[in-house]
Amino acid sequence: MLFFASRLVFDHVLRPMWGRSLPRRIVVGILRGPGNILHETGHAIGYGLAGYSVRRLVFFFADDEGRGYCLPGRPWAPWAIPWLATGFAALMPLIAGTLALYGLSVWLGVPADPSDLAVTGDWRLLAGILTGLDYRSWRTIVFLYLALSIGAELAPSEIDLRRSIPALLVATAMLVMVVIAVSHLPADAPVREAFDIHLVAVLGWGSSVLDFGIMALALVGIPGVVVAWVLRRRP
């Protein structure tokens, strides 16, 4: 859902603003800047955690194709596996971007209670939060700007998505095997109890952060579509 929400924001908010005129290119460049920088940096972080150095990091404004890219270098760690590192790096922008959105909300206090956009999943709250924001505050403007920029660049590209499939399959298979192995332990075994507690905590925290990302994209996507529609009707 987060992947598709990011794609919708990119295709229906940023893409309609594109044009040949210099003012439009400047606007799109400003909007894409933070999100694209975080996106490509996420790839670099992914390669680093997977045991590879980064040979080249290029953002969209320095790329002839206007996309940006990150090229891995030589492995530096014994756990470096090429296809696994590629898949992990492909998914990192989604993770890094979502964490950045949540961190920005907490830091700027927009919305006042980030949990309203997190675990509730109640879309009826969205209209109240949107109308309740203080649009005269610089904090609100900064949050909406960065949320739009980061949110539009969250989704992996088609290439990233294809590269991530093997790593996702392996990670899923490993998790399933661990869960099956632990489930065969006695119910009162300390290892099983600790595993259950930590698994529930990690899944709950991850779910709330991802839920926040989806709702934050809706928060900026709804007015963004309106603005993009108005700009699209102008030359």
Protein backbone atom coordinates (compact mmCIF):
# COMPACT_ATOMS: atom_id res chain seq x y z
CA MET A 1 0.00 0.00 0.00
CA LEU A 2 2.84 2.35 0.83
CA PHE A 3 4.49 1.54 -2.50
CA PHE A 4 1.33 2.33 -4.48
CA ALA A 5 0.61 5.47 -2.42
CA SER A 6 4.08 6.78 -3.23
CA ARG A 7 3.61 6.02 -6.92
CA LEU A 8 0.27 7.83 -6.97
CA VAL A 9 1.81 10.93 -5.39
CA PHE A 10 4.68 10.87 -7.90
CA ASP A 11 2.46 10.26 -10.95
CA HIS A 12 -0.46 12.53 -10.03
CA VAL A 13 1.26 15.36 -8.16
CA LEU A 14 4.84 15.74 -9.39
CA ARG A 15 4.48 14.45 -12.95
CA PRO A 16 1.68 16.87 -13.93
CA MET A 17 3.95 19.74 -12.88
CA TRP A 18 6.63 18.81 -15.39
CA GLY A 19 7.09 21.04 -18.37
CA ARG A 20 9.64 22.67 -20.62
CA SER A 21 9.45 26.10 -19.08
CA LEU A 22 12.26 27.07 -16.71
CA PRO A 23 9.93 28.01 -13.80
CA ARG A 24 8.30 24.59 -13.90
CA ARG A 25 11.63 22.79 -14.02
CA ILE A 26 12.81 24.82 -11.04
CA VAL A 27 9.64 24.01 -9.07
CA VAL A 28 9.89 20.29 -9.82
CA GLY A 29 13.60 20.35 -8.99
CA ILE A 30 12.93 21.96 -5.62
CA LEU A 31 10.16 19.49 -4.89
CA ARG A 32 12.19 16.44 -5.92
CA GLY A 33 15.45 17.51 -4.27
CA PRO A 34 15.18 16.24 -0.66
CA GLY A 35 13.26 13.11 -1.64
CA ASN A 36 15.65 12.07 -4.40
CA ILE A 37 18.71 12.75 -2.27
CA LEU A 38 17.25 10.58 0.49
CA HIS A 39 16.24 7.91 -2.04
CA GLU A 40 19.72 7.53 -3.51
CA THR A 41 21.35 7.84 -0.09
CA GLY A 42 19.08 5.01 1.05
CA HIS A 43 20.56 2.84 -1.70
CA ALA A 44 24.05 3.75 -0.49
CA ILE A 45 23.17 2.89 3.11
CA GLY A 46 21.74 -0.43 1.96
CA TYR A 47 24.92 -1.34 0.11
CA GLY A 48 27.01 -0.31 3.10
CA LEU A 49 25.01 -2.46 5.54
CA ALA A 50 25.17 -5.36 3.08
CA GLY A 51 28.96 -5.22 3.05
CA TYR A 52 29.74 -3.19 -0.05
CA SER A 53 31.38 0.15 -0.57
CA VAL A 54 29.74 2.79 -2.78
CA ARG A 55 31.61 3.53 -6.00
CA ARG A 56 29.39 6.36 -7.24
CA LEU A 57 26.37 8.25 -5.94
CA VAL A 58 24.56 10.57 -8.37
CA PHE A 59 21.38 12.55 -7.67
CA PHE A 60 18.76 13.39 -10.26
CA PHE A 61 20.01 16.92 -11.01
CA ALA A 62 23.44 15.52 -12.01
CA ASP A 63 22.03 12.63 -14.05
CA ASP A 64 21.43 13.09 -17.77
CA GLU A 65 18.32 10.88 -17.51
CA GLY A 66 17.01 12.83 -14.50
CA ARG A 67 16.71 9.74 -12.31
CA GLY A 68 19.78 9.46 -10.12
CA TYR A 69 21.64 6.25 -9.32
CA CYS A 70 23.94 4.52 -6.87
CA LEU A 71 26.68 2.13 -7.99
CA PRO A 72 28.23 -0.36 -5.55
CA GLY A 73 31.96 -0.78 -5.25
CA ARG A 74 34.05 -3.58 -3.82
CA PRO A 75 32.88 -5.79 -0.94
CA TRP A 76 34.41 -4.95 2.42
CA ALA A 77 32.66 -7.47 4.70
CA PRO A 78 32.57 -11.29 4.75
CA TRP A 79 28.75 -11.30 4.59
CA ALA A 80 28.70 -9.45 1.26
CA ILE A 81 26.56 -11.41 -1.23
CA PRO A 82 26.01 -9.56 -4.55
CA TRP A 83 22.36 -10.41 -5.28
CA LEU A 84 21.34 -10.09 -1.62
CA ALA A 85 23.05 -6.69 -1.32
CA THR A 86 21.37 -5.48 -4.50
CA GLY A 87 17.95 -6.49 -3.22
CA PHE A 88 18.52 -4.98 0.21
CA ALA A 89 19.79 -1.72 -1.28
CA ALA A 90 16.77 -1.59 -3.60
CA LEU A 91 14.37 -1.65 -0.62
CA MET A 92 16.25 0.78 1.62
CA PRO A 93 14.72 4.00 0.18
CA LEU A 94 11.27 2.77 1.22
CA ILE A 95 12.47 2.08 4.76
CA ALA A 96 14.67 5.16 5.12
CA GLY A 97 12.02 7.47 3.68
CA THR A 98 9.29 6.18 5.97
CA LEU A 99 11.49 6.55 9.04
CA ALA A 100 12.42 10.06 7.91
CA LEU A 101 8.75 11.01 7.57
CA TYR A 102 7.98 9.76 11.04
CA GLY A 103 11.03 11.51 12.49
CA LEU A 104 10.08 14.79 10.83
CA SER A 105 6.59 14.59 12.25
CA VAL A 106 7.89 14.03 15.77
CA TRP A 107 10.56 16.73 15.45
CA LEU A 108 8.31 19.39 13.93
CA GLY A 109 5.17 18.41 15.85
CA VAL A 110 3.09 18.18 12.65
CA PRO A 111 0.55 16.84 13.16
CA ALA A 112 0.50 17.56 16.88
CA ASP A 113 0.00 13.87 17.71
CA PRO A 114 1.71 11.65 15.10
CA SER A 115 -0.03 8.61 16.54
CA ASP A 116 -3.26 9.90 14.98
CA LEU A 117 -1.72 9.06 11.61
CA ALA A 118 -0.08 5.85 12.74
CA VAL A 119 -1.88 2.92 14.31
CA THR A 120 -5.48 4.06 14.04
CA GLY A 121 -5.86 3.64 10.29
CA ASP A 122 -9.06 5.67 10.62
CA TRP A 123 -9.36 7.65 7.38
CA ARG A 124 -12.09 9.77 8.93
CA LEU A 125 -9.40 11.47 11.03
CA LEU A 126 -7.59 12.62 7.92
CA ALA A 127 -9.98 15.47 7.07
CA GLY A 128 -9.91 16.75 10.64
CA ILE A 129 -6.11 16.67 10.78
CA LEU A 130 -5.82 18.36 7.38
CA THR A 131 -8.15 21.21 8.32
CA GLY A 132 -6.67 21.46 11.81
CA LEU A 133 -3.10 22.16 10.72
CA ASP A 134 -1.70 25.61 11.39
CA TYR A 135 -0.81 26.73 7.86
CA ARG A 136 0.67 29.99 9.18
CA SER A 137 3.40 28.05 10.98
CA TRP A 138 6.72 27.40 9.24
CA ARG A 139 6.72 23.95 10.82
CA THR A 140 3.60 22.97 8.90
CA ILE A 141 4.96 24.31 5.61
CA VAL A 142 8.29 22.51 6.07
CA PHE A 143 6.60 19.25 7.00
CA LEU A 144 4.21 19.31 4.05
CA TYR A 145 7.03 20.20 1.65
CA LEU A 146 9.36 17.46 2.89
CA ALA A 147 6.53 14.94 3.21
CA LEU A 148 5.58 15.54 -0.42
CA SER A 149 9.18 15.37 -1.63
CA ILE A 150 10.16 12.30 0.39
CA GLY A 151 6.83 10.56 -0.08
CA ALA A 152 6.92 10.86 -3.86
CA GLU A 153 10.37 9.24 -3.95
CA LEU A 154 9.64 6.42 -1.49
CA ALA A 155 8.60 3.82 -4.04
CA PRO A 156 11.36 1.73 -5.60
CA SER A 157 11.76 2.14 -9.34
CA GLU A 158 10.85 -0.69 -11.70
CA ILE A 159 14.50 -1.75 -11.74
CA ASP A 160 14.74 -1.60 -7.94
CA LEU A 161 11.55 -3.63 -7.62
CA ARG A 162 12.88 -6.42 -9.83
CA ARG A 163 16.19 -6.47 -7.99
CA SER A 164 14.49 -6.72 -4.59
CA ILE A 165 12.43 -9.84 -5.36
CA PRO A 166 15.18 -12.45 -4.70
CA ALA A 167 16.17 -10.82 -1.42
CA LEU A 168 12.53 -10.59 -0.33
CA LEU A 169 11.95 -14.26 -1.11
CA VAL A 170 15.03 -15.35 0.82
CA ALA A 171 14.22 -13.13 3.80
CA THR A 172 10.63 -14.41 3.86
CA ALA A 173 11.77 -18.05 3.65
CA MET A 174 14.27 -17.54 6.47
CA LEU A 175 11.68 -15.87 8.68
CA VAL A 176 9.17 -18.65 8.03
CA MET A 177 11.75 -21.30 8.92
CA VAL A 178 12.66 -19.49 12.15
CA VAL A 179 9.00 -19.13 13.14
CA ILE A 180 8.33 -22.81 12.42
CA ALA A 181 11.40 -23.87 14.42
CA VAL A 182 10.45 -21.70 17.41
CA SER A 183 6.82 -22.84 17.29
CA HIS A 184 7.95 -26.43 17.93
CA LEU A 185 9.54 -25.42 21.22
CA PRO A 186 7.55 -25.88 24.46
CA ALA A 187 5.17 -23.00 25.13
CA ASP A 188 6.98 -22.14 28.38
CA ALA A 189 10.47 -22.23 26.89
CA PRO A 190 12.36 -18.97 27.60
CA VAL A 191 13.57 -18.74 23.99
CA ARG A 192 10.06 -19.03 22.59
CA GLU A 193 8.65 -16.53 25.08
CA ALA A 194 11.38 -13.99 24.31
CA PHE A 195 10.97 -14.57 20.57
CA ASP A 196 7.20 -14.05 20.72
CA ILE A 197 7.54 -10.86 22.77
CA HIS A 198 10.17 -9.32 20.49
CA LEU A 199 8.46 -10.42 17.28
CA VAL A 200 5.17 -8.83 18.34
CA ALA A 201 7.00 -5.64 19.39
CA VAL A 202 8.92 -5.36 16.12
CA LEU A 203 5.87 -6.10 13.96
CA GLY A 204 3.74 -3.65 15.92
CA TRP A 205 6.31 -0.87 15.67
CA GLY A 206 6.97 -1.52 11.99
CA SER A 207 3.28 -1.61 11.20
CA SER A 208 2.61 1.68 12.98
CA VAL A 209 5.47 3.42 11.13
CA LEU A 210 4.31 2.09 7.75
CA ASP A 211 0.72 3.08 8.56
CA PHE A 212 2.00 6.56 9.37
CA GLY A 213 3.74 6.70 5.99
CA ILE A 214 0.55 5.80 4.13
CA MET A 215 -1.53 8.37 6.00
CA ALA A 216 1.16 11.05 5.63
CA LEU A 217 1.16 10.52 1.86
CA ALA A 218 -2.61 10.88 1.84
CA LEU A 219 -2.26 14.04 3.91
CA VAL A 220 -0.01 15.72 1.32
CA GLY A 221 -1.39 13.91 -1.71
CA ILE A 222 -4.96 15.21 -1.48
CA PRO A 223 -4.11 18.95 -1.62
CA GLY A 224 -1.18 18.14 -3.91
CA VAL A 225 -3.47 16.69 -6.56
CA VAL A 226 -5.55 19.86 -6.48
CA VAL A 227 -2.48 22.10 -6.88
CA ALA A 228 -1.11 19.89 -9.68
CA TRP A 229 -4.46 20.01 -11.49
CA VAL A 230 -4.47 23.82 -11.36
CA LEU A 231 -0.86 24.04 -12.60
CA ARG A 232 -1.52 21.53 -15.37
CA ARG A 233 -4.19 23.81 -16.82
CA ARG A 234 -1.68 26.64 -17.10
CA PRO A 235 0.95 26.84 -19.84
